[in-house]
Amino acid sequence: MKVEILGSSGCSTCEGLKEDVRNLVQEMGKENEIEIVKVEDPAKVASYGVMSTPALVVDGEVKYKGKVPSDEEIREALS
């Protein structure tokens, strides 16, 4: 599974989401199954139709945008 965190460089909220996802992946014991990537290229972010970051993309599907999802919402998106 590939998880992408969409956001700009230096965005503390985006970095926070990345850390939340990383922590939950570790909690779930799925470090070997889930790849986490931070996407900062504006063209790539726009290609997903995202205008407000942060955004959480799982296997190419935008799950959340413009907000930091709760831990429960992240777990649901990863299952």
PDB file of N, CA and C in Angstrom:
ATOM      1  N   MET A   1       0.852  -1.170   0.000  1.00  0.00           N
ATOM      2  CA  MET A   1       0.000   0.000   0.000  1.00  0.00           C
ATOM      3  C   MET A   1       0.899   1.234   0.000  1.00  0.00           C
ATOM      4  N   LYS A   2       0.503   2.228  -0.773  1.00  0.00           N
ATOM      5  CA  LYS A   2       1.246   3.486  -0.824  1.00  0.00           C
ATOM      6  C   LYS A   2       0.376   4.606  -0.256  1.00  0.00           C
ATOM      7  N   VAL A   3       0.917   5.304   0.736  1.00  0.00           N
ATOM      8  CA  VAL A   3       0.228   6.425   1.358  1.00  0.00           C
ATOM      9  C   VAL A   3       1.009   7.682   1.034  1.00  0.00           C
ATOM     10  N   GLU A   4       0.317   8.659   0.476  1.00  0.00           N
ATOM     11  CA  GLU A   4       0.949   9.932   0.146  1.00  0.00           C
ATOM     12  C   GLU A   4       0.359  11.032   1.016  1.00  0.00           C
ATOM     13  N   ILE A   5       1.236  11.851   1.566  1.00  0.00           N
ATOM     14  CA  ILE A   5       0.835  13.033   2.310  1.00  0.00           C
ATOM     15  C   ILE A   5       1.120  14.214   1.399  1.00  0.00           C
ATOM     16  N   LEU A   6       0.065  14.917   0.978  1.00  0.00           N
ATOM     17  CA  LEU A   6       0.233  16.049   0.079  1.00  0.00           C
ATOM     18  C   LEU A   6       0.335  17.329   0.882  1.00  0.00           C
ATOM     19  N   GLY A   7       1.358  18.125   0.574  1.00  0.00           N
ATOM     20  CA  GLY A   7       1.536  19.388   1.280  1.00  0.00           C
ATOM     21  C   GLY A   7       2.780  20.104   0.809  1.00  0.00           C
ATOM     22  N   SER A   8       2.904  21.341   1.204  1.00  0.00           N
ATOM     23  CA  SER A   8       4.056  22.133   0.791  1.00  0.00           C
ATOM     24  C   SER A   8       5.219  21.944   1.756  1.00  0.00           C
ATOM     25  N   SER A   9       6.383  22.287   1.265  1.00  0.00           N
ATOM     26  CA  SER A   9       7.585  22.213   2.091  1.00  0.00           C
ATOM     27  C   SER A   9       7.458  23.210   3.241  1.00  0.00           C
ATOM     28  N   GLY A  10       7.783  22.766   4.428  1.00  0.00           N
ATOM     29  CA  GLY A  10       7.721  23.652   5.586  1.00  0.00           C
ATOM     30  C   GLY A  10       6.353  23.766   6.229  1.00  0.00           C
ATOM     31  N   CYS A  11       5.384  23.032   5.732  1.00  0.00           N
ATOM     32  CA  CYS A  11       4.024  23.059   6.300  1.00  0.00           C
ATOM     33  C   CYS A  11       4.007  22.179   7.551  1.00  0.00           C
ATOM     34  N   SER A  12       3.894  22.806   8.715  1.00  0.00           N
ATOM     35  CA  SER A  12       3.946  22.037   9.969  1.00  0.00           C
ATOM     36  C   SER A  12       2.742  21.105  10.118  1.00  0.00           C
ATOM     37  N   THR A  13       1.590  21.510   9.627  1.00  0.00           N
ATOM     38  CA  THR A  13       0.400  20.668   9.699  1.00  0.00           C
ATOM     39  C   THR A  13       0.586  19.413   8.846  1.00  0.00           C
ATOM     40  N   CYS A  14       1.186  19.588   7.679  1.00  0.00           N
ATOM     41  CA  CYS A  14       1.438  18.459   6.772  1.00  0.00           C
ATOM     42  C   CYS A  14       2.446  17.498   7.388  1.00  0.00           C
ATOM     43  N   GLU A  15       3.490  18.045   7.994  1.00  0.00           N
ATOM     44  CA  GLU A  15       4.492  17.210   8.662  1.00  0.00           C
ATOM     45  C   GLU A  15       3.859  16.466   9.840  1.00  0.00           C
ATOM     46  N   GLY A  16       2.951  17.144  10.550  1.00  0.00           N
ATOM     47  CA  GLY A  16       2.250  16.504  11.658  1.00  0.00           C
ATOM     48  C   GLY A  16       1.423  15.315  11.187  1.00  0.00           C
ATOM     49  N   LEU A  17       0.742  15.471  10.046  1.00  0.00           N
ATOM     50  CA  LEU A  17      -0.048  14.369   9.492  1.00  0.00           C
ATOM     51  C   LEU A  17       0.866  13.207   9.126  1.00  0.00           C
ATOM     52  N   LYS A  18       2.010  13.524   8.536  1.00  0.00           N
ATOM     53  CA  LYS A  18       2.961  12.466   8.168  1.00  0.00           C
ATOM     54  C   LYS A  18       3.403  11.698   9.410  1.00  0.00           C
ATOM     55  N   GLU A  19       3.698  12.402  10.481  1.00  0.00           N
ATOM     56  CA  GLU A  19       4.103  11.753  11.731  1.00  0.00           C
ATOM     57  C   GLU A  19       2.968  10.918  12.313  1.00  0.00           C
ATOM     58  N   ASP A  20       1.738  11.448  12.268  1.00  0.00           N
ATOM     59  CA  ASP A  20       0.574  10.688  12.758  1.00  0.00           C
ATOM     60  C   ASP A  20       0.432   9.370  11.987  1.00  0.00           C
ATOM     61  N   VAL A  21       0.545   9.458  10.660  1.00  0.00           N
ATOM     62  CA  VAL A  21       0.417   8.259   9.830  1.00  0.00           C
ATOM     63  C   VAL A  21       1.543   7.281  10.162  1.00  0.00           C
ATOM     64  N   ARG A  22       2.775   7.786  10.250  1.00  0.00           N
ATOM     65  CA  ARG A  22       3.923   6.917  10.557  1.00  0.00           C
ATOM     66  C   ARG A  22       3.709   6.207  11.905  1.00  0.00           C
ATOM     67  N   ASN A  23       3.259   6.943  12.910  1.00  0.00           N
ATOM     68  CA  ASN A  23       3.034   6.347  14.228  1.00  0.00           C
ATOM     69  C   ASN A  23       1.949   5.271  14.191  1.00  0.00           C
ATOM     70  N   LEU A  24       0.868   5.543  13.479  1.00  0.00           N
ATOM     71  CA  LEU A  24      -0.219   4.563  13.398  1.00  0.00           C
ATOM     72  C   LEU A  24       0.193   3.319  12.616  1.00  0.00           C
ATOM     73  N   VAL A  25       0.986   3.510  11.570  1.00  0.00           N
ATOM     74  CA  VAL A  25       1.484   2.365  10.794  1.00  0.00           C
ATOM     75  C   VAL A  25       2.345   1.484  11.699  1.00  0.00           C
ATOM     76  N   GLN A  26       3.172   2.103  12.525  1.00  0.00           N
ATOM     77  CA  GLN A  26       4.003   1.340  13.460  1.00  0.00           C
ATOM     78  C   GLN A  26       3.131   0.616  14.493  1.00  0.00           C
ATOM     79  N   GLU A  27       2.139   1.325  15.022  1.00  0.00           N
ATOM     80  CA  GLU A  27       1.209   0.710  15.984  1.00  0.00           C
ATOM     81  C   GLU A  27       0.522  -0.517  15.395  1.00  0.00           C
ATOM     82  N   MET A  28       0.183  -0.413  14.118  1.00  0.00           N
ATOM     83  CA  MET A  28      -0.520  -1.492  13.431  1.00  0.00           C
ATOM     84  C   MET A  28       0.433  -2.624  13.020  1.00  0.00           C
ATOM     85  N   GLY A  29       1.745  -2.383  13.149  1.00  0.00           N
ATOM     86  CA  GLY A  29       2.730  -3.390  12.768  1.00  0.00           C
ATOM     87  C   GLY A  29       2.821  -3.603  11.268  1.00  0.00           C
ATOM     88  N   LYS A  30       2.550  -2.535  10.493  1.00  0.00           N
ATOM     89  CA  LYS A  30       2.514  -2.666   9.032  1.00  0.00           C
ATOM     90  C   LYS A  30       3.619  -1.872   8.338  1.00  0.00           C
ATOM     91  N   GLU A  31       4.753  -1.670   9.042  1.00  0.00           N
ATOM     92  CA  GLU A  31       5.847  -0.892   8.448  1.00  0.00           C
ATOM     93  C   GLU A  31       6.352  -1.497   7.147  1.00  0.00           C
ATOM     94  N   ASN A  32       6.288  -2.813   7.013  1.00  0.00           N
ATOM     95  CA  ASN A  32       6.775  -3.477   5.807  1.00  0.00           C
ATOM     96  C   ASN A  32       5.736  -3.515   4.686  1.00  0.00           C
ATOM     97  N   GLU A  33       4.494  -3.166   5.007  1.00  0.00           N
ATOM     98  CA  GLU A  33       3.413  -3.241   4.024  1.00  0.00           C
ATOM     99  C   GLU A  33       2.993  -1.879   3.482  1.00  0.00           C
ATOM    100  N   ILE A  34       3.292  -0.817   4.231  1.00  0.00           N
ATOM    101  CA  ILE A  34       2.801   0.511   3.865  1.00  0.00           C
ATOM    102  C   ILE A  34       3.974   1.453   3.641  1.00  0.00           C
ATOM    103  N   GLU A  35       4.031   2.030   2.442  1.00  0.00           N
ATOM    104  CA  GLU A  35       5.051   3.021   2.094  1.00  0.00           C
ATOM    105  C   GLU A  35       4.443   4.413   2.287  1.00  0.00           C
ATOM    106  N   ILE A  36       5.146   5.269   3.023  1.00  0.00           N
ATOM    107  CA  ILE A  36       4.666   6.633   3.269  1.00  0.00           C
ATOM    108  C   ILE A  36       5.552   7.611   2.509  1.00  0.00           C
ATOM    109  N   VAL A  37       4.920   8.459   1.688  1.00  0.00           N
ATOM    110  CA  VAL A  37       5.650   9.408   0.856  1.00  0.00           C
ATOM    111  C   VAL A  37       5.068  10.801   1.059  1.00  0.00           C
ATOM    112  N   LYS A  38       5.917  11.788   1.224  1.00  0.00           N
ATOM    113  CA  LYS A  38       5.473  13.191   1.296  1.00  0.00           C
ATOM    114  C   LYS A  38       5.594  13.771  -0.109  1.00  0.00           C
ATOM    115  N   VAL A  39       4.510  14.322  -0.617  1.00  0.00           N
ATOM    116  CA  VAL A  39       4.473  14.914  -1.951  1.00  0.00           C
ATOM    117  C   VAL A  39       4.382  16.424  -1.803  1.00  0.00           C
ATOM    118  N   GLU A  40       5.403  17.122  -2.307  1.00  0.00           N
ATOM    119  CA  GLU A  40       5.452  18.577  -2.181  1.00  0.00           C
ATOM    120  C   GLU A  40       5.365  19.289  -3.528  1.00  0.00           C
ATOM    121  N   ASP A  41       5.424  18.544  -4.627  1.00  0.00           N
ATOM    122  CA  ASP A  41       5.365  19.129  -5.961  1.00  0.00           C
ATOM    123  C   ASP A  41       3.946  19.660  -6.231  1.00  0.00           C
ATOM    124  N   PRO A  42       3.812  20.988  -6.410  1.00  0.00           N
ATOM    125  CA  PRO A  42       2.474  21.566  -6.613  1.00  0.00           C
ATOM    126  C   PRO A  42       1.711  20.955  -7.784  1.00  0.00           C
ATOM    127  N   ALA A  43       2.398  20.599  -8.847  1.00  0.00           N
ATOM    128  CA  ALA A  43       1.726  20.001 -10.007  1.00  0.00           C
ATOM    129  C   ALA A  43       1.158  18.623  -9.642  1.00  0.00           C
ATOM    130  N   LYS A  44       1.912  17.854  -8.886  1.00  0.00           N
ATOM    131  CA  LYS A  44       1.445  16.526  -8.468  1.00  0.00           C
ATOM    132  C   LYS A  44       0.263  16.654  -7.501  1.00  0.00           C
ATOM    133  N   VAL A  45       0.361  17.611  -6.567  1.00  0.00           N
ATOM    134  CA  VAL A  45      -0.744  17.853  -5.631  1.00  0.00           C
ATOM    135  C   VAL A  45      -2.001  18.241  -6.418  1.00  0.00           C
ATOM    136  N   ALA A  46      -1.849  19.147  -7.365  1.00  0.00           N
ATOM    137  CA  ALA A  46      -2.985  19.600  -8.181  1.00  0.00           C
ATOM    138  C   ALA A  46      -3.558  18.469  -9.029  1.00  0.00           C
ATOM    139  N   SER A  47      -2.712  17.515  -9.437  1.00  0.00           N
ATOM    140  CA  SER A  47      -3.192  16.407 -10.272  1.00  0.00           C
ATOM    141  C   SER A  47      -4.223  15.544  -9.535  1.00  0.00           C
ATOM    142  N   TYR A  48      -4.223  15.621  -8.214  1.00  0.00           N
ATOM    143  CA  TYR A  48      -5.218  14.906  -7.414  1.00  0.00           C
ATOM    144  C   TYR A  48      -6.475  15.753  -7.197  1.00  0.00           C
ATOM    145  N   GLY A  49      -6.487  16.978  -7.703  1.00  0.00           N
ATOM    146  CA  GLY A  49      -7.635  17.853  -7.509  1.00  0.00           C
ATOM    147  C   GLY A  49      -7.669  18.482  -6.129  1.00  0.00           C
ATOM    148  N   VAL A  50      -6.525  18.479  -5.459  1.00  0.00           N
ATOM    149  CA  VAL A  50      -6.435  19.011  -4.101  1.00  0.00           C
ATOM    150  C   VAL A  50      -5.983  20.463  -4.156  1.00  0.00           C
ATOM    151  N   MET A  51      -6.775  21.343  -3.562  1.00  0.00           N
ATOM    152  CA  MET A  51      -6.431  22.761  -3.511  1.00  0.00           C
ATOM    153  C   MET A  51      -6.088  23.206  -2.095  1.00  0.00           C
ATOM    154  N   SER A  52      -6.439  22.387  -1.114  1.00  0.00           N
ATOM    155  CA  SER A  52      -6.190  22.724   0.282  1.00  0.00           C
ATOM    156  C   SER A  52      -5.489  21.546   0.958  1.00  0.00           C
ATOM    157  N   THR A  53      -4.327  21.814   1.524  1.00  0.00           N
ATOM    158  CA  THR A  53      -3.565  20.762   2.176  1.00  0.00           C
ATOM    159  C   THR A  53      -3.639  20.925   3.685  1.00  0.00           C
ATOM    160  N   PRO A  54      -3.332  19.900   4.433  1.00  0.00           N
ATOM    161  CA  PRO A  54      -2.778  18.629   3.994  1.00  0.00           C
ATOM    162  C   PRO A  54      -3.849  17.728   3.395  1.00  0.00           C
ATOM    163  N   ALA A  55      -3.377  16.722   2.673  1.00  0.00           N
ATOM    164  CA  ALA A  55      -4.280  15.721   2.117  1.00  0.00           C
ATOM    165  C   ALA A  55      -3.656  14.349   2.317  1.00  0.00           C
ATOM    166  N   LEU A  56      -4.517  13.369   2.491  1.00  0.00           N
ATOM    167  CA  LEU A  56      -4.099  11.987   2.680  1.00  0.00           C
ATOM    168  C   LEU A  56      -4.595  11.174   1.483  1.00  0.00           C
ATOM    169  N   VAL A  57      -3.653  10.555   0.771  1.00  0.00           N
ATOM    170  CA  VAL A  57      -3.982   9.764  -0.414  1.00  0.00           C
ATOM    171  C   VAL A  57      -3.530   8.333  -0.160  1.00  0.00           C
ATOM    172  N   VAL A  58      -4.428   7.375  -0.376  1.00  0.00           N
ATOM    173  CA  VAL A  58      -4.112   5.965  -0.184  1.00  0.00           C
ATOM    174  C   VAL A  58      -4.309   5.244  -1.511  1.00  0.00           C
ATOM    175  N   ASP A  59      -3.218   4.665  -2.011  1.00  0.00           N
ATOM    176  CA  ASP A  59      -3.243   3.953  -3.297  1.00  0.00           C
ATOM    177  C   ASP A  59      -3.919   4.773  -4.391  1.00  0.00           C
ATOM    178  N   GLY A  60      -3.564   6.056  -4.470  1.00  0.00           N
ATOM    179  CA  GLY A  60      -4.053   6.924  -5.533  1.00  0.00           C
ATOM    180  C   GLY A  60      -5.418   7.545  -5.299  1.00  0.00           C
ATOM    181  N   GLU A  61      -6.066   7.218  -4.193  1.00  0.00           N
ATOM    182  CA  GLU A  61      -7.396   7.764  -3.889  1.00  0.00           C
ATOM    183  C   GLU A  61      -7.308   8.768  -2.741  1.00  0.00           C
ATOM    184  N   VAL A  62      -7.812   9.980  -3.002  1.00  0.00           N
ATOM    185  CA  VAL A  62      -7.808  11.008  -1.958  1.00  0.00           C
ATOM    186  C   VAL A  62      -8.837  10.628  -0.903  1.00  0.00           C
ATOM    187  N   LYS A  63      -8.350  10.460   0.328  1.00  0.00           N
ATOM    188  CA  LYS A  63      -9.240  10.087   1.435  1.00  0.00           C
ATOM    189  C   LYS A  63      -9.668  11.311   2.241  1.00  0.00           C
ATOM    190  N   TYR A  64      -8.720  12.229   2.478  1.00  0.00           N
ATOM    191  CA  TYR A  64      -9.014  13.448   3.234  1.00  0.00           C
ATOM    192  C   TYR A  64      -8.214  14.587   2.623  1.00  0.00           C
ATOM    193  N   LYS A  65      -8.816  15.775   2.581  1.00  0.00           N
ATOM    194  CA  LYS A  65      -8.083  16.951   2.107  1.00  0.00           C
ATOM    195  C   LYS A  65      -8.535  18.175   2.880  1.00  0.00           C
ATOM    196  N   GLY A  66      -7.564  19.071   3.102  1.00  0.00           N
ATOM    197  CA  GLY A  66      -7.860  20.319   3.787  1.00  0.00           C
ATOM    198  C   GLY A  66      -8.043  20.205   5.284  1.00  0.00           C
ATOM    199  N   LYS A  67      -7.708  19.034   5.835  1.00  0.00           N
ATOM    200  CA  LYS A  67      -7.830  18.850   7.282  1.00  0.00           C
ATOM    201  C   LYS A  67      -6.908  17.718   7.722  1.00  0.00           C
ATOM    202  N   VAL A  68      -6.656  17.672   9.013  1.00  0.00           N
ATOM    203  CA  VAL A  68      -5.899  16.559   9.582  1.00  0.00           C
ATOM    204  C   VAL A  68      -6.922  15.564  10.119  1.00  0.00           C
ATOM    205  N   PRO A  69      -6.989  14.383   9.516  1.00  0.00           N
ATOM    206  CA  PRO A  69      -7.952  13.401  10.008  1.00  0.00           C
ATOM    207  C   PRO A  69      -7.565  12.893  11.393  1.00  0.00           C
ATOM    208  N   SER A  70      -8.552  12.423  12.125  1.00  0.00           N
ATOM    209  CA  SER A  70      -8.302  11.841  13.451  1.00  0.00           C
ATOM    210  C   SER A  70      -7.557  10.520  13.288  1.00  0.00           C
ATOM    211  N   ASP A  71      -7.005  10.040  14.387  1.00  0.00           N
ATOM    212  CA  ASP A  71      -6.319   8.740  14.351  1.00  0.00           C
ATOM    213  C   ASP A  71      -7.266   7.652  13.858  1.00  0.00           C
ATOM    214  N   GLU A  72      -8.509   7.692  14.311  1.00  0.00           N
ATOM    215  CA  GLU A  72      -9.492   6.684  13.898  1.00  0.00           C
ATOM    216  C   GLU A  72      -9.759   6.778  12.386  1.00  0.00           C
ATOM    217  N   GLU A  73      -9.861   7.992  11.863  1.00  0.00           N
ATOM    218  CA  GLU A  73     -10.084   8.160  10.421  1.00  0.00           C
ATOM    219  C   GLU A  73      -8.882   7.653   9.623  1.00  0.00           C
ATOM    220  N   ILE A  74      -7.679   7.899  10.129  1.00  0.00           N
ATOM    221  CA  ILE A  74      -6.479   7.401   9.448  1.00  0.00           C
ATOM    222  C   ILE A  74      -6.462   5.876   9.462  1.00  0.00           C
ATOM    223  N   ARG A  75      -6.742   5.271  10.621  1.00  0.00           N
ATOM    224  CA  ARG A  75      -6.781   3.802  10.717  1.00  0.00           C
ATOM    225  C   ARG A  75      -7.775   3.226   9.704  1.00  0.00           C
ATOM    226  N   GLU A  76      -8.946   3.843   9.616  1.00  0.00           N
ATOM    227  CA  GLU A  76      -9.978   3.379   8.685  1.00  0.00           C
ATOM    228  C   GLU A  76      -9.482   3.472   7.241  1.00  0.00           C
ATOM    229  N   ALA A  77      -8.805   4.573   6.907  1.00  0.00           N
ATOM    230  CA  ALA A  77      -8.289   4.760   5.547  1.00  0.00           C
ATOM    231  C   ALA A  77      -7.210   3.733   5.211  1.00  0.00           C
ATOM    232  N   LEU A  78      -6.476   3.270   6.220  1.00  0.00           N
ATOM    233  CA  LEU A  78      -5.394   2.323   6.008  1.00  0.00           C
ATOM    234  C   LEU A  78      -5.830   0.858   6.048  1.00  0.00           C
ATOM    235  N   SER A  79      -7.081   0.627   6.430  1.00  0.00           N
ATOM    236  CA  SER A  79      -7.516  -0.774   6.534  1.00  0.00           C
ATOM    237  C   SER A  79      -8.241  -1.244   5.293  1.00  0.00           C
TER     238      SER A  79
END
